[in-house]
Amino acid sequence: MYTIKVMLSVALLAACAIYVVSADTGKSSACCTRVSRRKLNPTIQIERFYIQKADPPCVEAVMFMTNTSVIFCSHPNTPWVKKKQVELRKKEEEVKRTKQNVI
């Protein structure tokens, strides 16, 4: 029960970290308006990441997406963030190689 509460709290905090911006065209997009340098809990399963460029009110960020589509906005110059990006790129390359070997 405690773990569920913690996970829900983390998800709620992540949702609060994302700000929905409406452009003049009427389109909506989610972006990070703040970032964290804090390392994510290792039990959180990060599946992919996106690099967000600064475009106010959005700030420069690395957006980590979990297997449950929760997004964490992280500071791009934090050492653990850079390491995680390398790790995820390697994992993506391994998946591509595996798919090529199957074909």
N, C-alpha and C. Protein backbone atom coordinates (compact mmCIF):
# COMPACT_ATOMS: atom_id res chain seq x y z
N MET A 1 0.83 -1.19 0.00
CA MET A 1 0.00 0.00 0.00
C MET A 1 0.87 1.25 0.00
N TYR A 2 1.93 1.23 0.81
CA TYR A 2 2.84 2.37 0.89
C TYR A 2 3.49 2.65 -0.46
N THR A 3 3.89 1.59 -1.18
CA THR A 3 4.53 1.73 -2.48
C THR A 3 3.58 2.37 -3.48
N ILE A 4 2.33 2.00 -3.46
CA ILE A 4 1.35 2.58 -4.37
C ILE A 4 1.20 4.06 -4.10
N LYS A 5 1.15 4.45 -2.83
CA LYS A 5 1.02 5.86 -2.47
C LYS A 5 2.23 6.64 -2.95
N VAL A 6 3.41 6.07 -2.79
CA VAL A 6 4.64 6.74 -3.24
C VAL A 6 4.62 6.89 -4.76
N MET A 7 4.26 5.82 -5.48
CA MET A 7 4.21 5.87 -6.94
C MET A 7 3.19 6.89 -7.42
N LEU A 8 2.03 6.93 -6.76
CA LEU A 8 1.01 7.91 -7.14
C LEU A 8 1.49 9.33 -6.85
N SER A 9 2.20 9.51 -5.76
CA SER A 9 2.75 10.83 -5.43
C SER A 9 3.77 11.27 -6.46
N VAL A 10 4.62 10.35 -6.88
CA VAL A 10 5.63 10.65 -7.90
C VAL A 10 4.94 11.01 -9.22
N ALA A 11 3.92 10.25 -9.58
CA ALA A 11 3.19 10.52 -10.81
C ALA A 11 2.51 11.89 -10.76
N LEU A 12 1.95 12.23 -9.62
CA LEU A 12 1.30 13.52 -9.45
C LEU A 12 2.31 14.66 -9.56
N LEU A 13 3.46 14.48 -8.92
CA LEU A 13 4.51 15.50 -9.01
C LEU A 13 4.99 15.67 -10.44
N ALA A 14 5.13 14.58 -11.16
CA ALA A 14 5.56 14.65 -12.56
C ALA A 14 4.52 15.39 -13.40
N ALA A 15 3.27 15.09 -13.15
CA ALA A 15 2.21 15.76 -13.89
C ALA A 15 2.19 17.26 -13.61
N CYS A 16 2.49 17.62 -12.37
CA CYS A 16 2.54 19.04 -12.01
C CYS A 16 3.74 19.74 -12.64
N ALA A 17 4.80 18.99 -12.93
CA ALA A 17 6.00 19.57 -13.51
C ALA A 17 5.82 19.90 -14.99
N ILE A 18 4.80 19.33 -15.59
CA ILE A 18 4.55 19.57 -17.01
C ILE A 18 3.45 20.62 -17.15
N TYR A 19 3.71 21.57 -17.97
CA TYR A 19 2.79 22.68 -18.17
C TYR A 19 2.24 22.62 -19.58
N VAL A 20 0.96 22.73 -19.74
CA VAL A 20 0.35 22.68 -21.06
C VAL A 20 0.27 24.09 -21.61
N VAL A 21 0.86 24.26 -22.79
CA VAL A 21 0.94 25.57 -23.43
C VAL A 21 0.04 25.58 -24.66
N SER A 22 -0.76 26.59 -24.79
CA SER A 22 -1.61 26.73 -25.98
C SER A 22 -1.03 27.82 -26.88
N ALA A 23 -0.79 27.47 -28.13
CA ALA A 23 -0.26 28.43 -29.10
C ALA A 23 -1.43 29.18 -29.72
N ASP A 24 -1.12 30.25 -30.45
CA ASP A 24 -2.15 31.04 -31.12
C ASP A 24 -2.92 30.21 -32.14
N THR A 25 -2.30 29.15 -32.65
CA THR A 25 -2.95 28.30 -33.64
C THR A 25 -4.01 27.40 -33.01
N GLY A 26 -4.08 27.40 -31.69
CA GLY A 26 -5.05 26.56 -31.00
C GLY A 26 -4.51 25.19 -30.67
N LYS A 27 -3.30 24.88 -31.13
CA LYS A 27 -2.70 23.59 -30.82
C LYS A 27 -2.16 23.61 -29.40
N SER A 28 -2.19 22.47 -28.75
CA SER A 28 -1.65 22.35 -27.39
C SER A 28 -0.44 21.43 -27.42
N SER A 29 0.53 21.74 -26.57
CA SER A 29 1.68 20.85 -26.44
C SER A 29 2.16 20.90 -25.00
N ALA A 30 2.67 19.77 -24.55
CA ALA A 30 3.20 19.69 -23.19
C ALA A 30 4.68 19.98 -23.24
N CYS A 31 5.15 20.70 -22.24
CA CYS A 31 6.58 20.97 -22.17
C CYS A 31 6.99 21.14 -20.71
N CYS A 32 8.31 21.08 -20.50
CA CYS A 32 8.85 21.27 -19.16
C CYS A 32 9.08 22.77 -18.94
N THR A 33 8.53 23.30 -17.88
CA THR A 33 8.76 24.70 -17.53
C THR A 33 9.74 24.82 -16.37
N ARG A 34 10.05 23.68 -15.76
CA ARG A 34 11.05 23.59 -14.69
C ARG A 34 11.74 22.24 -14.80
N VAL A 35 12.96 22.19 -14.30
CA VAL A 35 13.70 20.92 -14.33
C VAL A 35 14.23 20.60 -12.94
N SER A 36 14.57 19.34 -12.77
CA SER A 36 15.13 18.88 -11.51
C SER A 36 16.50 18.29 -11.76
N ARG A 37 17.40 18.45 -10.79
CA ARG A 37 18.72 17.82 -10.85
C ARG A 37 18.72 16.52 -10.03
N ARG A 38 17.62 16.27 -9.37
CA ARG A 38 17.51 15.11 -8.49
C ARG A 38 17.44 13.82 -9.29
N LYS A 39 18.20 12.82 -8.84
CA LYS A 39 18.24 11.53 -9.51
C LYS A 39 16.92 10.79 -9.29
N LEU A 40 16.45 10.15 -10.34
CA LEU A 40 15.21 9.40 -10.23
C LEU A 40 15.43 8.10 -9.47
N ASN A 41 14.39 7.65 -8.84
CA ASN A 41 14.42 6.39 -8.12
C ASN A 41 14.75 5.27 -9.11
N PRO A 42 15.71 4.40 -8.79
CA PRO A 42 16.10 3.34 -9.72
C PRO A 42 14.98 2.34 -10.05
N THR A 43 13.93 2.31 -9.26
CA THR A 43 12.83 1.40 -9.56
C THR A 43 11.93 1.93 -10.67
N ILE A 44 12.09 3.21 -11.01
CA ILE A 44 11.29 3.80 -12.09
C ILE A 44 11.87 3.33 -13.41
N GLN A 45 11.04 2.75 -14.24
CA GLN A 45 11.49 2.20 -15.51
C GLN A 45 11.41 3.26 -16.62
N ILE A 46 12.56 3.83 -16.96
CA ILE A 46 12.63 4.82 -18.03
C ILE A 46 12.75 4.07 -19.35
N GLU A 47 11.88 4.38 -20.31
CA GLU A 47 11.91 3.70 -21.60
C GLU A 47 12.57 4.52 -22.68
N ARG A 48 12.40 5.83 -22.62
CA ARG A 48 12.98 6.69 -23.66
C ARG A 48 13.11 8.11 -23.12
N PHE A 49 13.77 8.93 -23.93
CA PHE A 49 13.92 10.33 -23.54
C PHE A 49 13.82 11.22 -24.77
N TYR A 50 13.51 12.47 -24.51
CA TYR A 50 13.44 13.50 -25.54
C TYR A 50 14.23 14.70 -25.05
N ILE A 51 14.89 15.38 -25.97
CA ILE A 51 15.60 16.60 -25.61
C ILE A 51 14.73 17.77 -26.01
N GLN A 52 14.43 18.61 -25.04
CA GLN A 52 13.59 19.78 -25.26
C GLN A 52 14.46 21.02 -25.31
N LYS A 53 14.31 21.80 -26.35
CA LYS A 53 15.03 23.08 -26.47
C LYS A 53 14.24 24.15 -25.74
N ALA A 54 14.94 25.16 -25.29
CA ALA A 54 14.28 26.27 -24.61
C ALA A 54 13.46 27.08 -25.62
N ASP A 55 12.21 27.30 -25.30
CA ASP A 55 11.29 28.11 -26.09
C ASP A 55 10.20 28.56 -25.12
N PRO A 56 10.45 29.71 -24.45
CA PRO A 56 9.57 30.14 -23.34
C PRO A 56 8.10 29.94 -23.64
N PRO A 57 7.38 29.43 -22.65
CA PRO A 57 7.77 29.19 -21.27
C PRO A 57 8.51 27.87 -21.06
N CYS A 58 8.73 27.09 -22.12
CA CYS A 58 9.45 25.83 -21.99
C CYS A 58 10.94 26.10 -21.77
N VAL A 59 11.57 25.29 -20.96
CA VAL A 59 12.99 25.44 -20.67
C VAL A 59 13.77 24.27 -21.28
N GLU A 60 15.08 24.44 -21.41
CA GLU A 60 15.91 23.35 -21.89
C GLU A 60 15.82 22.20 -20.89
N ALA A 61 15.56 21.00 -21.40
CA ALA A 61 15.35 19.87 -20.50
C ALA A 61 15.55 18.55 -21.23
N VAL A 62 15.80 17.52 -20.45
CA VAL A 62 15.73 16.15 -20.94
C VAL A 62 14.46 15.58 -20.33
N MET A 63 13.56 15.15 -21.20
CA MET A 63 12.28 14.61 -20.75
C MET A 63 12.37 13.09 -20.78
N PHE A 64 12.40 12.48 -19.60
CA PHE A 64 12.42 11.03 -19.49
C PHE A 64 10.99 10.52 -19.41
N MET A 65 10.67 9.51 -20.23
CA MET A 65 9.34 8.94 -20.21
C MET A 65 9.40 7.51 -19.68
N THR A 66 8.51 7.22 -18.76
CA THR A 66 8.46 5.89 -18.15
C THR A 66 7.60 4.94 -18.98
N ASN A 67 7.59 3.69 -18.57
CA ASN A 67 6.76 2.69 -19.23
C ASN A 67 5.27 2.96 -19.02
N THR A 68 4.94 3.85 -18.09
CA THR A 68 3.54 4.22 -17.86
C THR A 68 3.24 5.61 -18.41
N SER A 69 4.12 6.14 -19.26
CA SER A 69 3.97 7.43 -19.94
C SER A 69 4.05 8.63 -18.99
N VAL A 70 4.68 8.45 -17.84
CA VAL A 70 4.92 9.57 -16.93
C VAL A 70 6.20 10.25 -17.41
N ILE A 71 6.20 11.58 -17.43
CA ILE A 71 7.36 12.33 -17.91
C ILE A 71 8.03 13.04 -16.74
N PHE A 72 9.37 12.90 -16.70
CA PHE A 72 10.18 13.60 -15.70
C PHE A 72 11.06 14.60 -16.43
N CYS A 73 11.05 15.83 -15.96
CA CYS A 73 11.84 16.90 -16.57
C CYS A 73 13.14 17.06 -15.79
N SER A 74 14.25 16.78 -16.46
CA SER A 74 15.55 16.79 -15.80
C SER A 74 16.50 17.79 -16.44
N HIS A 75 17.41 18.32 -15.62
CA HIS A 75 18.40 19.28 -16.11
C HIS A 75 19.39 18.55 -17.02
N PRO A 76 19.59 19.05 -18.24
CA PRO A 76 20.43 18.33 -19.21
C PRO A 76 21.91 18.22 -18.85
N ASN A 77 22.42 19.08 -17.98
CA ASN A 77 23.84 19.06 -17.65
C ASN A 77 24.17 18.29 -16.38
N THR A 78 23.20 17.63 -15.81
CA THR A 78 23.43 16.83 -14.61
C THR A 78 24.10 15.52 -15.01
N PRO A 79 25.18 15.12 -14.31
CA PRO A 79 25.91 13.91 -14.70
C PRO A 79 25.05 12.65 -14.84
N TRP A 80 24.14 12.41 -13.91
CA TRP A 80 23.34 11.19 -13.99
C TRP A 80 22.43 11.22 -15.22
N VAL A 81 22.00 12.43 -15.64
CA VAL A 81 21.13 12.56 -16.82
C VAL A 81 21.90 12.18 -18.07
N LYS A 82 23.13 12.67 -18.19
CA LYS A 82 23.97 12.34 -19.34
C LYS A 82 24.24 10.83 -19.39
N LYS A 83 24.51 10.25 -18.24
CA LYS A 83 24.78 8.82 -18.16
C LYS A 83 23.55 8.01 -18.59
N LYS A 84 22.39 8.44 -18.15
CA LYS A 84 21.14 7.74 -18.49
C LYS A 84 20.86 7.84 -19.99
N GLN A 85 21.16 8.98 -20.59
CA GLN A 85 20.97 9.14 -22.03
C GLN A 85 21.86 8.14 -22.80
N VAL A 86 23.11 8.03 -22.39
CA VAL A 86 24.03 7.08 -23.03
C VAL A 86 23.49 5.66 -22.89
N GLU A 87 23.05 5.32 -21.70
CA GLU A 87 22.50 3.99 -21.42
C GLU A 87 21.30 3.69 -22.31
N LEU A 88 20.40 4.65 -22.44
CA LEU A 88 19.19 4.44 -23.25
C LEU A 88 19.52 4.37 -24.74
N ARG A 89 20.51 5.14 -25.19
CA ARG A 89 20.93 5.06 -26.60
C ARG A 89 21.52 3.69 -26.91
N LYS A 90 22.34 3.16 -26.01
CA LYS A 90 22.93 1.83 -26.19
C LYS A 90 21.84 0.78 -26.26
N LYS A 91 20.87 0.89 -25.37
CA LYS A 91 19.76 -0.06 -25.33
C LYS A 91 18.98 -0.01 -26.65
N GLU A 92 18.76 1.18 -27.17
CA GLU A 92 18.05 1.35 -28.44
C GLU A 92 18.83 0.72 -29.60
N GLU A 93 20.15 0.91 -29.60
CA GLU A 93 21.00 0.31 -30.63
C GLU A 93 20.95 -1.21 -30.57
N GLU A 94 20.96 -1.78 -29.38
CA GLU A 94 20.88 -3.23 -29.21
C GLU A 94 19.57 -3.77 -29.76
N VAL A 95 18.50 -3.06 -29.50
CA VAL A 95 17.18 -3.47 -30.00
C VAL A 95 17.19 -3.44 -31.53
N LYS A 96 17.77 -2.39 -32.12
CA LYS A 96 17.83 -2.30 -33.59
C LYS A 96 18.65 -3.44 -34.17
N ARG A 97 19.80 -3.75 -33.55
CA ARG A 97 20.64 -4.85 -34.03
C ARG A 97 19.92 -6.18 -33.94
N THR A 98 19.19 -6.38 -32.85
CA THR A 98 18.45 -7.61 -32.66
C THR A 98 17.38 -7.77 -33.75
N LYS A 99 16.69 -6.68 -34.05
CA LYS A 99 15.66 -6.72 -35.09
C LYS A 99 16.27 -7.02 -36.45
N GLN A 100 17.45 -6.46 -36.74
CA GLN A 100 18.10 -6.71 -38.01
C GLN A 100 18.52 -8.16 -38.14
N ASN A 101 18.96 -8.76 -37.04
CA ASN A 101 19.39 -10.16 -37.06
C ASN A 101 18.23 -11.11 -37.25
N VAL A 102 17.04 -10.71 -36.85
CA VAL A 102 15.85 -11.54 -36.98
C VAL A 102 15.38 -11.57 -38.43
N ILE A 103 15.55 -10.46 -39.11
CA ILE A 103 15.05 -10.34 -40.50
C ILE A 103 15.86 -11.13 -41.45
